[in-house]
Amino acid sequence: MLRLVATGLSYKEIATELFISHRTVQNHVQSTLNKLQLHNRVQLVRYALAHGLDAPQPPQG
């Protein structure tokens, strides 16, 4: 989910991508912000980019 936030998608767009509600996305993002002690999505995106979470992951398996 963090990778999708980092790409600039809205909560609704992320929800559609993951087949979940936009409220669930909001809850997950807020939980992540709290755990990382960040204050907003901008800081979350900066965190994601700093940790290489914007790049697509290779397939596993």
PDB file of N, CA and C in Angstrom:
ATOM      1  N   MET A   1       0.816  -1.177   0.000  1.00  0.00           N
ATOM      2  CA  MET A   1       0.000   0.000   0.000  1.00  0.00           C
ATOM      3  C   MET A   1       0.872   1.258   0.000  1.00  0.00           C
ATOM      4  N   LEU A   2       1.959   1.205   0.737  1.00  0.00           N
ATOM      5  CA  LEU A   2       2.856   2.361   0.808  1.00  0.00           C
ATOM      6  C   LEU A   2       3.398   2.714  -0.571  1.00  0.00           C
ATOM      7  N   ARG A   3       3.680   1.733  -1.366  1.00  0.00           N
ATOM      8  CA  ARG A   3       4.169   1.990  -2.724  1.00  0.00           C
ATOM      9  C   ARG A   3       3.109   2.724  -3.543  1.00  0.00           C
ATOM     10  N   LEU A   4       1.854   2.357  -3.370  1.00  0.00           N
ATOM     11  CA  LEU A   4       0.775   3.017  -4.097  1.00  0.00           C
ATOM     12  C   LEU A   4       0.590   4.452  -3.624  1.00  0.00           C
ATOM     13  N   VAL A   5       0.718   4.679  -2.336  1.00  0.00           N
ATOM     14  CA  VAL A   5       0.661   6.042  -1.808  1.00  0.00           C
ATOM     15  C   VAL A   5       1.797   6.860  -2.411  1.00  0.00           C
ATOM     16  N   ALA A   6       2.967   6.271  -2.491  1.00  0.00           N
ATOM     17  CA  ALA A   6       4.150   6.976  -3.009  1.00  0.00           C
ATOM     18  C   ALA A   6       3.994   7.352  -4.477  1.00  0.00           C
ATOM     19  N   THR A   7       3.167   6.626  -5.209  1.00  0.00           N
ATOM     20  CA  THR A   7       2.970   6.962  -6.625  1.00  0.00           C
ATOM     21  C   THR A   7       1.987   8.104  -6.804  1.00  0.00           C
ATOM     22  N   GLY A   8       1.367   8.554  -5.703  1.00  0.00           N
ATOM     23  CA  GLY A   8       0.470   9.697  -5.771  1.00  0.00           C
ATOM     24  C   GLY A   8      -0.991   9.350  -5.970  1.00  0.00           C
ATOM     25  N   LEU A   9      -1.323   8.076  -5.861  1.00  0.00           N
ATOM     26  CA  LEU A   9      -2.719   7.683  -6.021  1.00  0.00           C
ATOM     27  C   LEU A   9      -3.556   8.172  -4.842  1.00  0.00           C
ATOM     28  N   SER A  10      -4.819   8.469  -5.107  1.00  0.00           N
ATOM     29  CA  SER A  10      -5.744   8.860  -4.045  1.00  0.00           C
ATOM     30  C   SER A  10      -6.159   7.612  -3.262  1.00  0.00           C
ATOM     31  N   TYR A  11      -6.792   7.839  -2.121  1.00  0.00           N
ATOM     32  CA  TYR A  11      -7.289   6.708  -1.340  1.00  0.00           C
ATOM     33  C   TYR A  11      -8.267   5.871  -2.168  1.00  0.00           C
ATOM     34  N   LYS A  12      -9.124   6.540  -2.913  1.00  0.00           N
ATOM     35  CA  LYS A  12     -10.106   5.829  -3.733  1.00  0.00           C
ATOM     36  C   LYS A  12      -9.420   4.997  -4.822  1.00  0.00           C
ATOM     37  N   GLU A  13      -8.397   5.553  -5.451  1.00  0.00           N
ATOM     38  CA  GLU A  13      -7.662   4.825  -6.491  1.00  0.00           C
ATOM     39  C   GLU A  13      -6.927   3.624  -5.904  1.00  0.00           C
ATOM     40  N   ILE A  14      -6.345   3.799  -4.726  1.00  0.00           N
ATOM     41  CA  ILE A  14      -5.659   2.687  -4.057  1.00  0.00           C
ATOM     42  C   ILE A  14      -6.669   1.608  -3.693  1.00  0.00           C
ATOM     43  N   ALA A  15      -7.816   2.026  -3.188  1.00  0.00           N
ATOM     44  CA  ALA A  15      -8.863   1.077  -2.810  1.00  0.00           C
ATOM     45  C   ALA A  15      -9.308   0.248  -4.008  1.00  0.00           C
ATOM     46  N   THR A  16      -9.478   0.906  -5.143  1.00  0.00           N
ATOM     47  CA  THR A  16      -9.872   0.202  -6.362  1.00  0.00           C
ATOM     48  C   THR A  16      -8.800  -0.799  -6.778  1.00  0.00           C
ATOM     49  N   GLU A  17      -7.563  -0.382  -6.707  1.00  0.00           N
ATOM     50  CA  GLU A  17      -6.428  -1.244  -7.082  1.00  0.00           C
ATOM     51  C   GLU A  17      -6.348  -2.487  -6.202  1.00  0.00           C
ATOM     52  N   LEU A  18      -6.648  -2.320  -4.901  1.00  0.00           N
ATOM     53  CA  LEU A  18      -6.507  -3.418  -3.935  1.00  0.00           C
ATOM     54  C   LEU A  18      -7.817  -4.130  -3.609  1.00  0.00           C
ATOM     55  N   PHE A  19      -8.916  -3.693  -4.233  1.00  0.00           N
ATOM     56  CA  PHE A  19     -10.233  -4.286  -3.998  1.00  0.00           C
ATOM     57  C   PHE A  19     -10.649  -4.195  -2.529  1.00  0.00           C
ATOM     58  N   ILE A  20     -10.418  -3.035  -1.930  1.00  0.00           N
ATOM     59  CA  ILE A  20     -10.831  -2.767  -0.555  1.00  0.00           C
ATOM     60  C   ILE A  20     -11.514  -1.398  -0.534  1.00  0.00           C
ATOM     61  N   SER A  21     -12.113  -1.041   0.591  1.00  0.00           N
ATOM     62  CA  SER A  21     -12.791   0.257   0.669  1.00  0.00           C
ATOM     63  C   SER A  21     -11.783   1.384   0.868  1.00  0.00           C
ATOM     64  N   HIS A  22     -12.189   2.590   0.467  1.00  0.00           N
ATOM     65  CA  HIS A  22     -11.289   3.732   0.660  1.00  0.00           C
ATOM     66  C   HIS A  22     -11.097   4.004   2.140  1.00  0.00           C
ATOM     67  N   ARG A  23     -12.079   3.674   2.966  1.00  0.00           N
ATOM     68  CA  ARG A  23     -11.947   3.863   4.413  1.00  0.00           C
ATOM     69  C   ARG A  23     -10.872   2.926   4.974  1.00  0.00           C
ATOM     70  N   THR A  24     -10.791   1.719   4.461  1.00  0.00           N
ATOM     71  CA  THR A  24      -9.745   0.779   4.883  1.00  0.00           C
ATOM     72  C   THR A  24      -8.370   1.331   4.516  1.00  0.00           C
ATOM     73  N   VAL A  25      -8.260   1.917   3.344  1.00  0.00           N
ATOM     74  CA  VAL A  25      -7.003   2.538   2.931  1.00  0.00           C
ATOM     75  C   VAL A  25      -6.647   3.659   3.894  1.00  0.00           C
ATOM     76  N   GLN A  26      -7.610   4.522   4.208  1.00  0.00           N
ATOM     77  CA  GLN A  26      -7.364   5.616   5.145  1.00  0.00           C
ATOM     78  C   GLN A  26      -6.879   5.088   6.489  1.00  0.00           C
ATOM     79  N   ASN A  27      -7.513   4.030   6.978  1.00  0.00           N
ATOM     80  CA  ASN A  27      -7.112   3.443   8.256  1.00  0.00           C
ATOM     81  C   ASN A  27      -5.690   2.901   8.208  1.00  0.00           C
ATOM     82  N   HIS A  28      -5.344   2.217   7.136  1.00  0.00           N
ATOM     83  CA  HIS A  28      -3.991   1.662   7.003  1.00  0.00           C
ATOM     84  C   HIS A  28      -2.941   2.771   6.907  1.00  0.00           C
ATOM     85  N   VAL A  29      -3.256   3.803   6.143  1.00  0.00           N
ATOM     86  CA  VAL A  29      -2.318   4.917   6.006  1.00  0.00           C
ATOM     87  C   VAL A  29      -2.132   5.604   7.356  1.00  0.00           C
ATOM     88  N   GLN A  30      -3.229   5.850   8.068  1.00  0.00           N
ATOM     89  CA  GLN A  30      -3.127   6.497   9.378  1.00  0.00           C
ATOM     90  C   GLN A  30      -2.321   5.637  10.352  1.00  0.00           C
ATOM     91  N   SER A  31      -2.550   4.335  10.326  1.00  0.00           N
ATOM     92  CA  SER A  31      -1.796   3.421  11.185  1.00  0.00           C
ATOM     93  C   SER A  31      -0.309   3.466  10.849  1.00  0.00           C
ATOM     94  N   THR A  32       0.014   3.506   9.571  1.00  0.00           N
ATOM     95  CA  THR A  32       1.408   3.575   9.139  1.00  0.00           C
ATOM     96  C   THR A  32       2.042   4.895   9.576  1.00  0.00           C
ATOM     97  N   LEU A  33       1.299   5.981   9.416  1.00  0.00           N
ATOM     98  CA  LEU A  33       1.803   7.280   9.874  1.00  0.00           C
ATOM     99  C   LEU A  33       2.124   7.241  11.364  1.00  0.00           C
ATOM    100  N   ASN A  34       1.219   6.675  12.131  1.00  0.00           N
ATOM    101  CA  ASN A  34       1.432   6.590  13.579  1.00  0.00           C
ATOM    102  C   ASN A  34       2.656   5.745  13.918  1.00  0.00           C
ATOM    103  N   LYS A  35       2.786   4.595  13.283  1.00  0.00           N
ATOM    104  CA  LYS A  35       3.907   3.699  13.575  1.00  0.00           C
ATOM    105  C   LYS A  35       5.252   4.312  13.206  1.00  0.00           C
ATOM    106  N   LEU A  36       5.255   5.091  12.128  1.00  0.00           N
ATOM    107  CA  LEU A  36       6.505   5.716  11.675  1.00  0.00           C
ATOM    108  C   LEU A  36       6.710   7.097  12.281  1.00  0.00           C
ATOM    109  N   GLN A  37       5.769   7.526  13.097  1.00  0.00           N
ATOM    110  CA  GLN A  37       5.810   8.839  13.739  1.00  0.00           C
ATOM    111  C   GLN A  37       5.919   9.964  12.716  1.00  0.00           C
ATOM    112  N   LEU A  38       5.081   9.848  11.676  1.00  0.00           N
ATOM    113  CA  LEU A  38       4.993  10.862  10.642  1.00  0.00           C
ATOM    114  C   LEU A  38       3.665  11.595  10.790  1.00  0.00           C
ATOM    115  N   HIS A  39       3.554  12.767  10.165  1.00  0.00           N
ATOM    116  CA  HIS A  39       2.377  13.596  10.382  1.00  0.00           C
ATOM    117  C   HIS A  39       1.420  13.687   9.200  1.00  0.00           C
ATOM    118  N   ASN A  40       1.878  13.363   7.990  1.00  0.00           N
ATOM    119  CA  ASN A  40       0.999  13.496   6.834  1.00  0.00           C
ATOM    120  C   ASN A  40       1.492  12.632   5.675  1.00  0.00           C
ATOM    121  N   ARG A  41       0.700  12.611   4.607  1.00  0.00           N
ATOM    122  CA  ARG A  41       1.040  11.784   3.444  1.00  0.00           C
ATOM    123  C   ARG A  41       2.316  12.243   2.761  1.00  0.00           C
ATOM    124  N   VAL A  42       2.587  13.530   2.788  1.00  0.00           N
ATOM    125  CA  VAL A  42       3.816  14.033   2.156  1.00  0.00           C
ATOM    126  C   VAL A  42       5.031  13.409   2.836  1.00  0.00           C
ATOM    127  N   GLN A  43       5.035  13.402   4.158  1.00  0.00           N
ATOM    128  CA  GLN A  43       6.141  12.781   4.882  1.00  0.00           C
ATOM    129  C   GLN A  43       6.196  11.282   4.601  1.00  0.00           C
ATOM    130  N   LEU A  44       5.029  10.669   4.468  1.00  0.00           N
ATOM    131  CA  LEU A  44       4.978   9.234   4.175  1.00  0.00           C
ATOM    132  C   LEU A  44       5.573   8.937   2.800  1.00  0.00           C
ATOM    133  N   VAL A  45       5.257   9.767   1.823  1.00  0.00           N
ATOM    134  CA  VAL A  45       5.820   9.594   0.478  1.00  0.00           C
ATOM    135  C   VAL A  45       7.335   9.780   0.509  1.00  0.00           C
ATOM    136  N   ARG A  46       7.793  10.795   1.219  1.00  0.00           N
ATOM    137  CA  ARG A  46       9.244  11.012   1.332  1.00  0.00           C
ATOM    138  C   ARG A  46       9.913   9.808   1.984  1.00  0.00           C
ATOM    139  N   TYR A  47       9.292   9.243   2.996  1.00  0.00           N
ATOM    140  CA  TYR A  47       9.817   8.047   3.662  1.00  0.00           C
ATOM    141  C   TYR A  47       9.897   6.886   2.662  1.00  0.00           C
ATOM    142  N   ALA A  48       8.825   6.688   1.912  1.00  0.00           N
ATOM    143  CA  ALA A  48       8.787   5.603   0.929  1.00  0.00           C
ATOM    144  C   ALA A  48       9.885   5.759  -0.114  1.00  0.00           C
ATOM    145  N   LEU A  49      10.039   6.965  -0.630  1.00  0.00           N
ATOM    146  CA  LEU A  49      11.069   7.208  -1.641  1.00  0.00           C
ATOM    147  C   LEU A  49      12.469   7.010  -1.069  1.00  0.00           C
ATOM    148  N   ALA A  50      12.676   7.439   0.159  1.00  0.00           N
ATOM    149  CA  ALA A  50      13.992   7.294   0.800  1.00  0.00           C
ATOM    150  C   ALA A  50      14.344   5.828   1.044  1.00  0.00           C
ATOM    151  N   HIS A  51      13.325   4.985   1.151  1.00  0.00           N
ATOM    152  CA  HIS A  51      13.550   3.567   1.416  1.00  0.00           C
ATOM    153  C   HIS A  51      13.328   2.694   0.184  1.00  0.00           C
ATOM    154  N   GLY A  52      13.270   3.320  -0.997  1.00  0.00           N
ATOM    155  CA  GLY A  52      13.182   2.566  -2.243  1.00  0.00           C
ATOM    156  C   GLY A  52      11.856   1.867  -2.474  1.00  0.00           C
ATOM    157  N   LEU A  53      10.791   2.342  -1.842  1.00  0.00           N
ATOM    158  CA  LEU A  53       9.496   1.670  -1.979  1.00  0.00           C
ATOM    159  C   LEU A  53       8.696   2.151  -3.170  1.00  0.00           C
ATOM    160  N   ASP A  54       9.273   3.018  -3.982  1.00  0.00           N
ATOM    161  CA  ASP A  54       8.560   3.486  -5.188  1.00  0.00           C
ATOM    162  C   ASP A  54       8.825   2.589  -6.375  1.00  0.00           C
ATOM    163  N   ALA A  55       9.877   1.787  -6.315  1.00  0.00           N
ATOM    164  CA  ALA A  55      10.231   0.912  -7.435  1.00  0.00           C
ATOM    165  C   ALA A  55       9.398  -0.364  -7.389  1.00  0.00           C
ATOM    166  N   PRO A  56       8.954  -0.856  -8.543  1.00  0.00           N
ATOM    167  CA  PRO A  56       8.201  -2.109  -8.551  1.00  0.00           C
ATOM    168  C   PRO A  56       9.049  -3.267  -8.029  1.00  0.00           C
ATOM    169  N   GLN A  57       8.418  -4.154  -7.310  1.00  0.00           N
ATOM    170  CA  GLN A  57       9.094  -5.333  -6.779  1.00  0.00           C
ATOM    171  C   GLN A  57       9.110  -6.432  -7.837  1.00  0.00           C
ATOM    172  N   PRO A  58      10.189  -7.183  -7.929  1.00  0.00           N
ATOM    173  CA  PRO A  58      10.197  -8.329  -8.849  1.00  0.00           C
ATOM    174  C   PRO A  58       9.230  -9.395  -8.366  1.00  0.00           C
ATOM    175  N   PRO A  59       8.683 -10.193  -9.276  1.00  0.00           N
ATOM    176  CA  PRO A  59       7.761 -11.257  -8.867  1.00  0.00           C
ATOM    177  C   PRO A  59       8.449 -12.244  -7.933  1.00  0.00           C
ATOM    178  N   GLN A  60       7.707 -12.709  -6.929  1.00  0.00           N
ATOM    179  CA  GLN A  60       8.245 -13.690  -6.002  1.00  0.00           C
ATOM    180  C   GLN A  60       7.767 -15.074  -6.403  1.00  0.00           C
ATOM    181  N   GLY A  61       8.605 -16.045  -6.114  1.00  0.00           N
ATOM    182  CA  GLY A  61       8.154 -17.408  -6.370  1.00  0.00           C
ATOM    183  C   GLY A  61       9.048 -18.114  -7.229  1.00  0.00           C
TER     184      GLY A  61
END
